[in-house]
Amino acid sequence: MRYRTIAGFLGLSLLWGSEWILTASVPAQPHLRALAIRYGLGAVLLLPWAIGRRIWHRPLRTVGNTFIVGTGMLCLPQILIAVSAGHVFPAITLAALGAVPVLLAITGRLAITTAVCGLGGVLFLSANGLSIAIGHVPWMLFPLAAAGVLARALTAADRYLSEISLVEAMFGQLTISALLLSIASPLLEHETVTWSATAALGFVVGSVFMTVCGYLLFYWLLGKSGAGRVSMLQWAQPLVAAAESVVLVHIRPDWSAVAGAILIVLAIVWAFSNWDDQGVILEITQT
């Protein structure tokens, strides 16, 4: 079972870490509106299964918890990041999200040494873009808040989503997130969606693979390995993207990128080699 979980983690890291290739292959779109479209398409794909499982017969408390977790996982962090998008460099946001495993390590869901090692890897990997001006400091609170919301949603998902099937949970979360993002997009973004055959194909591919397949695998991993290890996807995705950039775009990595990659790999290997560490024991007792 451990090897299946590791294979799933690596596969999801490769899938989500390669999303930049899909983004670069289609016309540029407003981020929140594009996510709303993808989530809406994903909800439509899952609708037959949600109806078959009679989601409306679920207790209101279970459905409410599912919506709250989905908002914290799929929607609110993206909105917070969008608020600060024009005021902080992307590397700052990347580093803030890399701190999610550290927040979970503080609660005992991951070894603190592993979390610090992985965060250090992300900081080294994005070192060239970590430029902070005085005017950026207040805006940094938004990506940090996004990291806190995501960490809290991960712990809540680990606790509450066992009450409902993955398909039902995904349908509810995608529906509510698509609605909220479609409301937030006109307020935070001034671009409109560029429609074409290529753009439509990009939305469909992103919805099927990145959203539906990706998050179904994500929640399966969450149930098998816990919130602490799943949060390490925040390190693995930029590592995969950086490695693909070196191979496909022929970007020459400097010493900081190499050091960051080594630290991230060591942290992930360390976490999965210590399957029965204290963090997992605490995670089981807390849930």
C-alpha atoms as a PDB file:
ATOM      1  CA  MET A   1       0.000   0.000   0.000  1.00  0.00           C
ATOM      2  CA  ARG A   2       2.880   2.366   0.770  1.00  0.00           C
ATOM      3  CA  TYR A   3       4.304   1.971  -2.733  1.00  0.00           C
ATOM      4  CA  ARG A   4       0.914   2.635  -4.336  1.00  0.00           C
ATOM      5  CA  THR A   5       0.650   5.812  -2.290  1.00  0.00           C
ATOM      6  CA  ILE A   6       4.153   6.923  -3.253  1.00  0.00           C
ATOM      7  CA  ALA A   7       3.388   6.205  -6.913  1.00  0.00           C
ATOM      8  CA  GLY A   8       0.182   8.250  -6.613  1.00  0.00           C
ATOM      9  CA  PHE A   9       2.085  11.143  -5.027  1.00  0.00           C
ATOM     10  CA  LEU A  10       4.694  11.117  -7.779  1.00  0.00           C
ATOM     11  CA  GLY A  11       2.031  10.868 -10.480  1.00  0.00           C
ATOM     12  CA  LEU A  12       0.034  13.780  -9.074  1.00  0.00           C
ATOM     13  CA  SER A  13       3.213  15.845  -8.673  1.00  0.00           C
ATOM     14  CA  LEU A  14       3.992  15.236 -12.345  1.00  0.00           C
ATOM     15  CA  LEU A  15       0.408  16.016 -13.423  1.00  0.00           C
ATOM     16  CA  TRP A  16       0.018  19.278 -11.510  1.00  0.00           C
ATOM     17  CA  GLY A  17       3.646  20.297 -11.942  1.00  0.00           C
ATOM     18  CA  SER A  18       3.190  20.048 -15.723  1.00  0.00           C
ATOM     19  CA  GLU A  19       0.188  22.374 -15.791  1.00  0.00           C
ATOM     20  CA  TRP A  20       2.393  25.225 -17.009  1.00  0.00           C
ATOM     21  CA  ILE A  21       2.791  23.351 -20.300  1.00  0.00           C
ATOM     22  CA  LEU A  22      -0.989  23.367 -20.815  1.00  0.00           C
ATOM     23  CA  THR A  23      -1.180  27.039 -19.827  1.00  0.00           C
ATOM     24  CA  ALA A  24       1.550  27.960 -22.284  1.00  0.00           C
ATOM     25  CA  SER A  25      -0.183  26.041 -25.080  1.00  0.00           C
ATOM     26  CA  VAL A  26      -3.493  27.925 -24.995  1.00  0.00           C
ATOM     27  CA  PRO A  27      -4.426  31.628 -25.105  1.00  0.00           C
ATOM     28  CA  ALA A  28      -3.825  33.497 -21.852  1.00  0.00           C
ATOM     29  CA  GLN A  29      -6.963  33.685 -19.728  1.00  0.00           C
ATOM     30  CA  PRO A  30      -7.957  35.496 -16.517  1.00  0.00           C
ATOM     31  CA  HIS A  31      -6.947  33.023 -13.828  1.00  0.00           C
ATOM     32  CA  LEU A  32     -10.019  33.052 -11.589  1.00  0.00           C
ATOM     33  CA  ARG A  33     -12.453  32.964 -14.498  1.00  0.00           C
ATOM     34  CA  ALA A  34     -10.532  30.089 -16.096  1.00  0.00           C
ATOM     35  CA  LEU A  35     -10.657  28.163 -12.816  1.00  0.00           C
ATOM     36  CA  ALA A  36     -14.395  28.836 -12.531  1.00  0.00           C
ATOM     37  CA  ILE A  37     -14.941  27.389 -16.019  1.00  0.00           C
ATOM     38  CA  ARG A  38     -12.805  24.348 -15.288  1.00  0.00           C
ATOM     39  CA  TYR A  39     -14.542  23.717 -11.969  1.00  0.00           C
ATOM     40  CA  GLY A  40     -17.944  24.130 -13.582  1.00  0.00           C
ATOM     41  CA  LEU A  41     -17.073  21.629 -16.309  1.00  0.00           C
ATOM     42  CA  GLY A  42     -15.773  19.257 -13.655  1.00  0.00           C
ATOM     43  CA  ALA A  43     -19.037  19.505 -11.715  1.00  0.00           C
ATOM     44  CA  VAL A  44     -20.970  18.712 -14.902  1.00  0.00           C
ATOM     45  CA  LEU A  45     -18.796  15.637 -15.498  1.00  0.00           C
ATOM     46  CA  LEU A  46     -19.422  14.378 -11.963  1.00  0.00           C
ATOM     47  CA  LEU A  47     -23.150  15.203 -11.932  1.00  0.00           C
ATOM     48  CA  PRO A  48     -24.367  11.747 -13.092  1.00  0.00           C
ATOM     49  CA  TRP A  49     -22.418  10.001 -10.325  1.00  0.00           C
ATOM     50  CA  ALA A  50     -23.574  12.523  -7.713  1.00  0.00           C
ATOM     51  CA  ILE A  51     -27.204  11.925  -8.759  1.00  0.00           C
ATOM     52  CA  GLY A  52     -26.675   8.174  -8.713  1.00  0.00           C
ATOM     53  CA  ARG A  53     -25.436   8.382  -5.132  1.00  0.00           C
ATOM     54  CA  ARG A  54     -28.392  10.608  -4.167  1.00  0.00           C
ATOM     55  CA  ILE A  55     -26.307  13.409  -2.735  1.00  0.00           C
ATOM     56  CA  TRP A  56     -29.477  15.241  -1.639  1.00  0.00           C
ATOM     57  CA  HIS A  57     -30.076  12.504   0.961  1.00  0.00           C
ATOM     58  CA  ARG A  58     -26.857  13.399   2.794  1.00  0.00           C
ATOM     59  CA  PRO A  59     -27.229  15.167   6.164  1.00  0.00           C
ATOM     60  CA  LEU A  60     -27.111  18.948   5.896  1.00  0.00           C
ATOM     61  CA  ARG A  61     -24.124  19.045   8.269  1.00  0.00           C
ATOM     62  CA  THR A  62     -22.113  16.733   6.010  1.00  0.00           C
ATOM     63  CA  VAL A  63     -22.915  18.789   2.909  1.00  0.00           C
ATOM     64  CA  GLY A  64     -22.068  22.002   4.764  1.00  0.00           C
ATOM     65  CA  ASN A  65     -18.696  20.658   5.898  1.00  0.00           C
ATOM     66  CA  THR A  66     -17.996  19.560   2.331  1.00  0.00           C
ATOM     67  CA  PHE A  67     -18.721  23.060   1.021  1.00  0.00           C
ATOM     68  CA  ILE A  68     -16.536  24.672   3.690  1.00  0.00           C
ATOM     69  CA  VAL A  69     -13.618  22.345   2.971  1.00  0.00           C
ATOM     70  CA  GLY A  70     -14.013  22.904  -0.776  1.00  0.00           C
ATOM     71  CA  THR A  71     -14.019  26.672  -0.345  1.00  0.00           C
ATOM     72  CA  GLY A  72     -10.852  26.522   1.720  1.00  0.00           C
ATOM     73  CA  MET A  73      -9.170  24.075  -0.641  1.00  0.00           C
ATOM     74  CA  LEU A  74     -10.171  25.192  -4.140  1.00  0.00           C
ATOM     75  CA  CYS A  75     -11.470  28.727  -3.919  1.00  0.00           C
ATOM     76  CA  LEU A  76     -10.439  31.064  -1.090  1.00  0.00           C
ATOM     77  CA  PRO A  77      -6.647  30.595  -1.441  1.00  0.00           C
ATOM     78  CA  GLN A  78      -6.914  31.414  -5.157  1.00  0.00           C
ATOM     79  CA  ILE A  79      -8.884  34.584  -4.388  1.00  0.00           C
ATOM     80  CA  LEU A  80      -6.369  35.714  -1.756  1.00  0.00           C
ATOM     81  CA  ILE A  81      -3.500  35.120  -4.162  1.00  0.00           C
ATOM     82  CA  ALA A  82      -5.341  37.034  -6.903  1.00  0.00           C
ATOM     83  CA  VAL A  83      -5.756  40.039  -4.584  1.00  0.00           C
ATOM     84  CA  SER A  84      -1.975  40.321  -4.211  1.00  0.00           C
ATOM     85  CA  ALA A  85      -1.064  39.207  -7.739  1.00  0.00           C
ATOM     86  CA  GLY A  86      -0.096  42.657  -9.002  1.00  0.00           C
ATOM     87  CA  HIS A  87       1.780  43.633  -5.862  1.00  0.00           C
ATOM     88  CA  VAL A  88       4.114  40.713  -5.041  1.00  0.00           C
ATOM     89  CA  PHE A  89       6.346  38.575  -7.219  1.00  0.00           C
ATOM     90  CA  PRO A  90       5.152  35.020  -8.008  1.00  0.00           C
ATOM     91  CA  ALA A  91       8.170  33.637  -6.151  1.00  0.00           C
ATOM     92  CA  ILE A  92       6.831  35.211  -2.941  1.00  0.00           C
ATOM     93  CA  THR A  93       3.529  33.400  -3.382  1.00  0.00           C
ATOM     94  CA  LEU A  94       5.388  30.174  -4.156  1.00  0.00           C
ATOM     95  CA  ALA A  95       7.418  30.503  -0.959  1.00  0.00           C
ATOM     96  CA  ALA A  96       4.309  31.283   1.101  1.00  0.00           C
ATOM     97  CA  LEU A  97       2.512  28.178  -0.161  1.00  0.00           C
ATOM     98  CA  GLY A  98       5.680  26.188   0.495  1.00  0.00           C
ATOM     99  CA  ALA A  99       5.127  26.969   4.171  1.00  0.00           C
ATOM    100  CA  VAL A 100       1.874  24.949   4.279  1.00  0.00           C
ATOM    101  CA  PRO A 101       3.693  21.753   5.404  1.00  0.00           C
ATOM    102  CA  VAL A 102       5.436  23.791   8.116  1.00  0.00           C
ATOM    103  CA  LEU A 103       2.062  24.898   9.487  1.00  0.00           C
ATOM    104  CA  LEU A 104       0.926  21.267   9.526  1.00  0.00           C
ATOM    105  CA  ALA A 105       4.204  20.210  11.162  1.00  0.00           C
ATOM    106  CA  ILE A 106       3.474  22.626  14.007  1.00  0.00           C
ATOM    107  CA  THR A 107       0.288  20.655  14.689  1.00  0.00           C
ATOM    108  CA  GLY A 108       2.221  17.369  14.598  1.00  0.00           C
ATOM    109  CA  ARG A 109       1.114  16.124  11.189  1.00  0.00           C
ATOM    110  CA  LEU A 110       4.629  16.119   9.746  1.00  0.00           C
ATOM    111  CA  ALA A 111       8.108  16.042  11.232  1.00  0.00           C
ATOM    112  CA  ILE A 112       9.311  19.619  11.748  1.00  0.00           C
ATOM    113  CA  THR A 113      12.773  18.826  10.389  1.00  0.00           C
ATOM    114  CA  THR A 114      11.212  17.497   7.186  1.00  0.00           C
ATOM    115  CA  ALA A 115       9.030  20.586   6.850  1.00  0.00           C
ATOM    116  CA  VAL A 116      11.926  23.007   7.377  1.00  0.00           C
ATOM    117  CA  CYS A 117      14.087  21.103   4.889  1.00  0.00           C
ATOM    118  CA  GLY A 118      11.368  21.216   2.225  1.00  0.00           C
ATOM    119  CA  LEU A 119      10.619  24.901   2.791  1.00  0.00           C
ATOM    120  CA  GLY A 120      14.319  25.645   2.536  1.00  0.00           C
ATOM    121  CA  GLY A 121      14.339  23.828  -0.782  1.00  0.00           C
ATOM    122  CA  VAL A 122      11.496  25.981  -2.120  1.00  0.00           C
ATOM    123  CA  LEU A 123      13.266  29.151  -0.969  1.00  0.00           C
ATOM    124  CA  PHE A 124      16.474  28.119  -2.743  1.00  0.00           C
ATOM    125  CA  LEU A 125      14.544  27.020  -5.847  1.00  0.00           C
ATOM    126  CA  SER A 126      12.844  30.412  -6.146  1.00  0.00           C
ATOM    127  CA  ALA A 127      15.738  32.491  -4.790  1.00  0.00           C
ATOM    128  CA  ASN A 128      16.182  34.546  -7.968  1.00  0.00           C
ATOM    129  CA  GLY A 129      12.631  35.873  -7.711  1.00  0.00           C
ATOM    130  CA  LEU A 130      12.538  36.565  -3.972  1.00  0.00           C
ATOM    131  CA  SER A 131      12.814  40.332  -4.188  1.00  0.00           C
ATOM    132  CA  ILE A 132      10.859  42.237  -1.528  1.00  0.00           C
ATOM    133  CA  ALA A 133      10.283  45.979  -1.475  1.00  0.00           C
ATOM    134  CA  ILE A 134       8.846  47.882   1.466  1.00  0.00           C
ATOM    135  CA  GLY A 135       5.605  48.452  -0.424  1.00  0.00           C
ATOM    136  CA  HIS A 136       5.211  44.709  -0.942  1.00  0.00           C
ATOM    137  CA  VAL A 137       5.172  43.817   2.749  1.00  0.00           C
ATOM    138  CA  PRO A 138       1.451  44.455   3.447  1.00  0.00           C
ATOM    139  CA  TRP A 139       0.480  42.528   0.322  1.00  0.00           C
ATOM    140  CA  MET A 140       2.505  39.532   1.462  1.00  0.00           C
ATOM    141  CA  LEU A 141      -0.152  38.938   4.113  1.00  0.00           C
ATOM    142  CA  PHE A 142      -2.536  37.673   1.430  1.00  0.00           C
ATOM    143  CA  PRO A 143      -0.420  34.719   0.178  1.00  0.00           C
ATOM    144  CA  LEU A 144       0.469  33.937   3.788  1.00  0.00           C
ATOM    145  CA  ALA A 145      -3.241  33.938   4.615  1.00  0.00           C
ATOM    146  CA  ALA A 146      -3.818  31.656   1.611  1.00  0.00           C
ATOM    147  CA  ALA A 147      -1.263  29.224   3.041  1.00  0.00           C
ATOM    148  CA  GLY A 148      -3.017  29.289   6.416  1.00  0.00           C
ATOM    149  CA  VAL A 149      -6.433  28.691   4.841  1.00  0.00           C
ATOM    150  CA  LEU A 150      -5.077  25.809   2.759  1.00  0.00           C
ATOM    151  CA  ALA A 151      -3.427  24.197   5.777  1.00  0.00           C
ATOM    152  CA  ARG A 152      -6.649  24.459   7.773  1.00  0.00           C
ATOM    153  CA  ALA A 153      -8.684  23.059   4.872  1.00  0.00           C
ATOM    154  CA  LEU A 154      -6.323  20.088   4.591  1.00  0.00           C
ATOM    155  CA  THR A 155      -6.804  19.185   8.242  1.00  0.00           C
ATOM    156  CA  ALA A 156     -10.569  19.635   7.936  1.00  0.00           C
ATOM    157  CA  ALA A 157     -10.699  17.501   4.784  1.00  0.00           C
ATOM    158  CA  ASP A 158      -8.721  14.796   6.536  1.00  0.00           C
ATOM    159  CA  ARG A 159     -11.365  14.774   9.264  1.00  0.00           C
ATOM    160  CA  TYR A 160     -14.708  15.361   7.559  1.00  0.00           C
ATOM    161  CA  LEU A 161     -14.539  13.898   4.060  1.00  0.00           C
ATOM    162  CA  SER A 162     -14.719  10.340   5.363  1.00  0.00           C
ATOM    163  CA  GLU A 163     -18.431  11.051   5.907  1.00  0.00           C
ATOM    164  CA  ILE A 164     -19.127  11.319   2.164  1.00  0.00           C
ATOM    165  CA  SER A 165     -17.912   9.638  -1.013  1.00  0.00           C
ATOM    166  CA  LEU A 166     -15.137  11.282  -3.025  1.00  0.00           C
ATOM    167  CA  VAL A 167     -17.370  11.823  -6.054  1.00  0.00           C
ATOM    168  CA  GLU A 168     -20.084  13.535  -4.020  1.00  0.00           C
ATOM    169  CA  ALA A 169     -17.533  15.663  -2.179  1.00  0.00           C
ATOM    170  CA  MET A 170     -15.843  16.704  -5.408  1.00  0.00           C
ATOM    171  CA  PHE A 171     -19.171  17.559  -7.076  1.00  0.00           C
ATOM    172  CA  GLY A 172     -20.227  19.783  -4.180  1.00  0.00           C
ATOM    173  CA  GLN A 173     -16.856  21.462  -3.858  1.00  0.00           C
ATOM    174  CA  LEU A 174     -16.465  22.141  -7.566  1.00  0.00           C
ATOM    175  CA  THR A 175     -19.998  23.559  -7.765  1.00  0.00           C
ATOM    176  CA  ILE A 176     -19.619  26.003  -4.874  1.00  0.00           C
ATOM    177  CA  SER A 177     -16.078  26.979  -5.914  1.00  0.00           C
ATOM    178  CA  ALA A 178     -17.112  27.643  -9.522  1.00  0.00           C
ATOM    179  CA  LEU A 179     -19.924  29.900  -8.268  1.00  0.00           C
ATOM    180  CA  LEU A 180     -17.704  31.864  -5.868  1.00  0.00           C
ATOM    181  CA  LEU A 181     -14.868  32.261  -8.367  1.00  0.00           C
ATOM    182  CA  SER A 182     -17.267  33.484 -11.052  1.00  0.00           C
ATOM    183  CA  ILE A 183     -18.369  36.190  -8.596  1.00  0.00           C
ATOM    184  CA  ALA A 184     -14.818  37.111  -7.533  1.00  0.00           C
ATOM    185  CA  SER A 185     -13.377  37.260 -11.049  1.00  0.00           C
ATOM    186  CA  PRO A 186     -15.166  40.455 -12.235  1.00  0.00           C
ATOM    187  CA  LEU A 187     -14.162  42.169  -8.998  1.00  0.00           C
ATOM    188  CA  LEU A 188     -10.458  41.297  -9.171  1.00  0.00           C
ATOM    189  CA  GLU A 189      -9.765  40.741 -12.863  1.00  0.00           C
ATOM    190  CA  HIS A 190     -10.368  43.123 -15.749  1.00  0.00           C
ATOM    191  CA  GLU A 191      -9.720  40.723 -18.626  1.00  0.00           C
ATOM    192  CA  THR A 192     -12.327  38.673 -20.438  1.00  0.00           C
ATOM    193  CA  VAL A 193     -12.109  35.070 -21.542  1.00  0.00           C
ATOM    194  CA  THR A 194     -10.709  34.610 -25.043  1.00  0.00           C
ATOM    195  CA  TRP A 195     -12.781  31.940 -26.766  1.00  0.00           C
ATOM    196  CA  SER A 196     -11.414  29.763 -29.542  1.00  0.00           C
ATOM    197  CA  ALA A 197     -11.224  26.083 -30.390  1.00  0.00           C
ATOM    198  CA  THR A 198      -7.813  25.911 -28.714  1.00  0.00           C
ATOM    199  CA  ALA A 199      -9.078  27.670 -25.601  1.00  0.00           C
ATOM    200  CA  ALA A 200     -12.125  25.405 -25.351  1.00  0.00           C
ATOM    201  CA  LEU A 201      -9.934  22.321 -25.724  1.00  0.00           C
ATOM    202  CA  GLY A 202      -7.641  23.670 -23.021  1.00  0.00           C
ATOM    203  CA  PHE A 203     -10.585  24.113 -20.657  1.00  0.00           C
ATOM    204  CA  VAL A 204     -11.809  20.570 -21.322  1.00  0.00           C
ATOM    205  CA  VAL A 205      -8.370  18.980 -20.911  1.00  0.00           C
ATOM    206  CA  GLY A 206      -7.682  21.009 -17.774  1.00  0.00           C
ATOM    207  CA  SER A 207     -11.064  20.111 -16.311  1.00  0.00           C
ATOM    208  CA  VAL A 208     -10.831  16.381 -17.001  1.00  0.00           C
ATOM    209  CA  PHE A 209      -7.204  15.772 -16.083  1.00  0.00           C
ATOM    210  CA  MET A 210      -5.994  18.590 -13.811  1.00  0.00           C
ATOM    211  CA  THR A 211      -9.236  19.108 -11.921  1.00  0.00           C
ATOM    212  CA  VAL A 212     -11.371  15.947 -11.836  1.00  0.00           C
ATOM    213  CA  CYS A 213      -8.686  13.265 -12.117  1.00  0.00           C
ATOM    214  CA  GLY A 214      -6.178  15.353 -10.174  1.00  0.00           C
ATOM    215  CA  TYR A 215      -8.391  16.090  -7.193  1.00  0.00           C
ATOM    216  CA  LEU A 216      -9.855  12.592  -7.031  1.00  0.00           C
ATOM    217  CA  LEU A 217      -6.289  11.294  -6.763  1.00  0.00           C
ATOM    218  CA  PHE A 218      -5.487  14.079  -4.314  1.00  0.00           C
ATOM    219  CA  TYR A 219      -8.286  13.113  -1.935  1.00  0.00           C
ATOM    220  CA  TRP A 220      -7.402   9.421  -2.259  1.00  0.00           C
ATOM    221  CA  LEU A 221      -3.844  10.286  -1.239  1.00  0.00           C
ATOM    222  CA  LEU A 222      -5.166  12.389   1.615  1.00  0.00           C
ATOM    223  CA  GLY A 223      -7.044   9.407   2.998  1.00  0.00           C
ATOM    224  CA  LYS A 224      -4.057   7.080   2.615  1.00  0.00           C
ATOM    225  CA  SER A 225      -1.133   9.225   3.764  1.00  0.00           C
ATOM    226  CA  GLY A 226      -2.639  12.108   5.728  1.00  0.00           C
ATOM    227  CA  ALA A 227      -2.616  15.886   5.403  1.00  0.00           C
ATOM    228  CA  GLY A 228       1.072  16.285   6.287  1.00  0.00           C
ATOM    229  CA  ARG A 229       2.468  14.236   3.430  1.00  0.00           C
ATOM    230  CA  VAL A 230      -0.111  15.421   0.909  1.00  0.00           C
ATOM    231  CA  SER A 231       0.860  19.028   1.684  1.00  0.00           C
ATOM    232  CA  MET A 232       4.333  18.258   0.303  1.00  0.00           C
ATOM    233  CA  LEU A 233       2.773  18.658  -3.146  1.00  0.00           C
ATOM    234  CA  GLN A 234       3.460  22.363  -2.543  1.00  0.00           C
ATOM    235  CA  TRP A 235       7.151  21.472  -2.859  1.00  0.00           C
ATOM    236  CA  ALA A 236       6.905  18.791  -5.539  1.00  0.00           C
ATOM    237  CA  GLN A 237       4.964  20.868  -8.074  1.00  0.00           C
ATOM    238  CA  PRO A 238       7.535  23.679  -8.440  1.00  0.00           C
ATOM    239  CA  LEU A 239      10.291  21.068  -8.481  1.00  0.00           C
ATOM    240  CA  VAL A 240       8.644  19.258 -11.412  1.00  0.00           C
ATOM    241  CA  ALA A 241       8.007  22.551 -13.229  1.00  0.00           C
ATOM    242  CA  ALA A 242      11.633  23.617 -12.769  1.00  0.00           C
ATOM    243  CA  ALA A 243      12.944  20.240 -13.961  1.00  0.00           C
ATOM    244  CA  GLU A 244      10.709  20.349 -17.043  1.00  0.00           C
ATOM    245  CA  SER A 245      11.879  23.886 -17.796  1.00  0.00           C
ATOM    246  CA  VAL A 246      15.470  22.686 -17.778  1.00  0.00           C
ATOM    247  CA  VAL A 247      14.664  19.803 -20.134  1.00  0.00           C
ATOM    248  CA  LEU A 248      12.162  21.453 -22.490  1.00  0.00           C
ATOM    249  CA  VAL A 249      13.178  25.123 -22.509  1.00  0.00           C
ATOM    250  CA  HIS A 250      16.889  24.498 -21.877  1.00  0.00           C
ATOM    251  CA  ILE A 251      17.044  26.866 -18.913  1.00  0.00           C
ATOM    252  CA  ARG A 252      20.384  26.432 -17.189  1.00  0.00           C
ATOM    253  CA  PRO A 253      19.873  26.055 -13.414  1.00  0.00           C
ATOM    254  CA  ASP A 254      22.164  27.925 -11.049  1.00  0.00           C
ATOM    255  CA  TRP A 255      23.552  26.574  -7.787  1.00  0.00           C
ATOM    256  CA  SER A 256      20.567  27.778  -5.724  1.00  0.00           C
ATOM    257  CA  ALA A 257      18.093  25.892  -7.926  1.00  0.00           C
ATOM    258  CA  VAL A 258      20.185  22.716  -7.703  1.00  0.00           C
ATOM    259  CA  ALA A 259      20.469  23.071  -3.923  1.00  0.00           C
ATOM    260  CA  GLY A 260      16.731  23.661  -3.647  1.00  0.00           C
ATOM    261  CA  ALA A 261      15.925  20.596  -5.726  1.00  0.00           C
ATOM    262  CA  ILE A 262      18.196  18.442  -3.557  1.00  0.00           C
ATOM    263  CA  LEU A 263      16.588  19.710  -0.344  1.00  0.00           C
ATOM    264  CA  ILE A 264      13.060  19.084  -1.651  1.00  0.00           C
ATOM    265  CA  VAL A 265      13.911  15.550  -2.788  1.00  0.00           C
ATOM    266  CA  LEU A 266      15.553  14.790   0.562  1.00  0.00           C
ATOM    267  CA  ALA A 267      12.523  16.108   2.470  1.00  0.00           C
ATOM    268  CA  ILE A 268      10.043  14.046   0.441  1.00  0.00           C
ATOM    269  CA  VAL A 269      12.138  10.882   0.664  1.00  0.00           C
ATOM    270  CA  TRP A 270      12.577  11.469   4.383  1.00  0.00           C
ATOM    271  CA  ALA A 271       8.841  11.851   4.921  1.00  0.00           C
ATOM    272  CA  PHE A 272       7.870   8.717   3.013  1.00  0.00           C
ATOM    273  CA  SER A 273      10.679   6.605   4.476  1.00  0.00           C
ATOM    274  CA  ASN A 274       9.482   7.413   8.012  1.00  0.00           C
ATOM    275  CA  TRP A 275       5.926   6.237   7.474  1.00  0.00           C
ATOM    276  CA  ASP A 276       5.206   5.523  11.127  1.00  0.00           C
ATOM    277  CA  ASP A 277       6.788   8.655  12.592  1.00  0.00           C
ATOM    278  CA  GLN A 278       5.330  10.681  15.430  1.00  0.00           C
ATOM    279  CA  GLY A 279       3.533  13.034  13.046  1.00  0.00           C
ATOM    280  CA  VAL A 280       1.346  10.246  11.702  1.00  0.00           C
ATOM    281  CA  ILE A 281       0.618   8.961  15.198  1.00  0.00           C
ATOM    282  CA  LEU A 282      -0.600  12.394  16.217  1.00  0.00           C
ATOM    283  CA  GLU A 283      -2.583  12.722  12.992  1.00  0.00           C
ATOM    284  CA  ILE A 284      -4.432   9.465  13.662  1.00  0.00           C
ATOM    285  CA  THR A 285      -5.231  10.410  17.245  1.00  0.00           C
ATOM    286  CA  GLN A 286      -6.440  13.880  16.274  1.00  0.00           C
ATOM    287  CA  THR A 287      -8.812  12.600  13.595  1.00  0.00           C
END
